[in-house]
Amino acid sequence: MSKTAQHQLVRQDGSQNVIDALSAVDLGALSFIQLHRLQKVLQQASADVAAEAERRADADASGDTVKVQSPNL
């Protein structure tokens, strides 16, 4: 894939904008209240991401992980 094509994909990915914005946050410049607001939103986002990842893992039986019974049982 050419660099131009990769750049186009990143540009279209809205989640990359959020990741970039979070990387640019100057925590030292935030007030105490802003820090707590950010922490609350990040905790909720983390829980949402974990729930979505778990949902996808449960729904995807064709994943890389294979579950087999242990021969020791």
Protein backbone atom coordinates (compact mmCIF):
# COMPACT_ATOMS: atom_id res chain seq x y z
CA MET A 1 0.00 0.00 0.00
CA SER A 2 1.43 3.39 -0.92
CA LYS A 3 2.01 6.08 1.66
CA THR A 4 -0.70 8.18 0.03
CA ALA A 5 -3.24 5.38 0.44
CA GLN A 6 -2.28 4.89 4.08
CA HIS A 7 -2.60 8.61 4.72
CA GLN A 8 -6.10 8.61 3.19
CA LEU A 9 -7.19 5.79 5.52
CA VAL A 10 -5.89 7.57 8.62
CA ARG A 11 -7.59 10.78 7.56
CA GLN A 12 -10.95 8.98 7.28
CA ASP A 13 -10.63 7.31 10.70
CA GLY A 14 -12.48 9.55 13.15
CA SER A 15 -11.15 7.63 16.13
CA GLN A 16 -7.61 8.61 15.14
CA ASN A 17 -8.59 12.26 15.63
CA VAL A 18 -9.65 11.46 19.19
CA ILE A 19 -6.42 9.56 19.87
CA ASP A 20 -4.35 12.44 18.52
CA ALA A 21 -6.30 14.96 20.60
CA LEU A 22 -5.79 12.93 23.78
CA SER A 23 -2.08 12.67 23.04
CA ALA A 24 -1.89 16.45 22.75
CA VAL A 25 -3.62 17.22 26.08
CA ASP A 26 -1.37 19.15 28.46
CA LEU A 27 -2.49 17.73 31.80
CA GLY A 28 -0.51 20.35 33.69
CA ALA A 29 -2.58 23.10 32.08
CA LEU A 30 -5.92 21.62 33.18
CA SER A 31 -7.70 22.73 36.32
CA PHE A 32 -8.55 20.27 39.06
CA ILE A 33 -12.17 20.16 37.88
CA GLN A 34 -11.13 19.64 34.26
CA LEU A 35 -8.86 16.77 35.32
CA HIS A 36 -11.73 15.06 37.12
CA ARG A 37 -14.08 15.58 34.18
CA LEU A 38 -11.48 14.13 31.82
CA GLN A 39 -10.88 11.20 34.17
CA LYS A 40 -14.60 10.41 34.34
CA VAL A 41 -15.00 10.52 30.56
CA LEU A 42 -11.90 8.37 30.02
CA GLN A 43 -13.07 5.79 32.56
CA GLN A 44 -16.43 5.54 30.80
CA ALA A 45 -14.76 5.32 27.40
CA SER A 46 -12.45 2.60 28.69
CA ALA A 47 -15.39 0.60 30.02
CA ASP A 48 -17.23 1.05 26.71
CA VAL A 49 -14.19 -0.11 24.73
CA ALA A 50 -13.73 -3.14 26.98
CA ALA A 51 -17.41 -4.07 26.64
CA GLU A 52 -17.28 -3.74 22.84
CA ALA A 53 -14.08 -5.80 22.63
CA GLU A 54 -15.66 -8.51 24.80
CA ARG A 55 -18.84 -8.47 22.72
CA ARG A 56 -16.82 -8.88 19.53
CA ALA A 57 -14.70 -11.65 21.04
CA ASP A 58 -17.83 -13.53 22.13
CA ALA A 59 -19.52 -13.05 18.75
CA ASP A 60 -16.48 -14.05 16.69
CA ALA A 61 -16.08 -17.80 16.77
CA SER A 62 -13.58 -17.63 13.92
CA GLY A 63 -10.92 -15.74 15.88
CA ASP A 64 -7.27 -16.67 16.39
CA THR A 65 -7.87 -18.33 19.76
CA VAL A 66 -8.80 -21.98 19.76
CA LYS A 67 -10.32 -23.46 22.91
CA VAL A 68 -9.59 -27.13 23.47
CA GLN A 69 -10.11 -29.36 26.44
CA SER A 70 -7.02 -29.88 28.54
CA PRO A 71 -5.61 -33.41 28.31
CA ASN A 72 -4.97 -33.24 32.05
CA LEU A 73 -8.68 -33.26 32.91
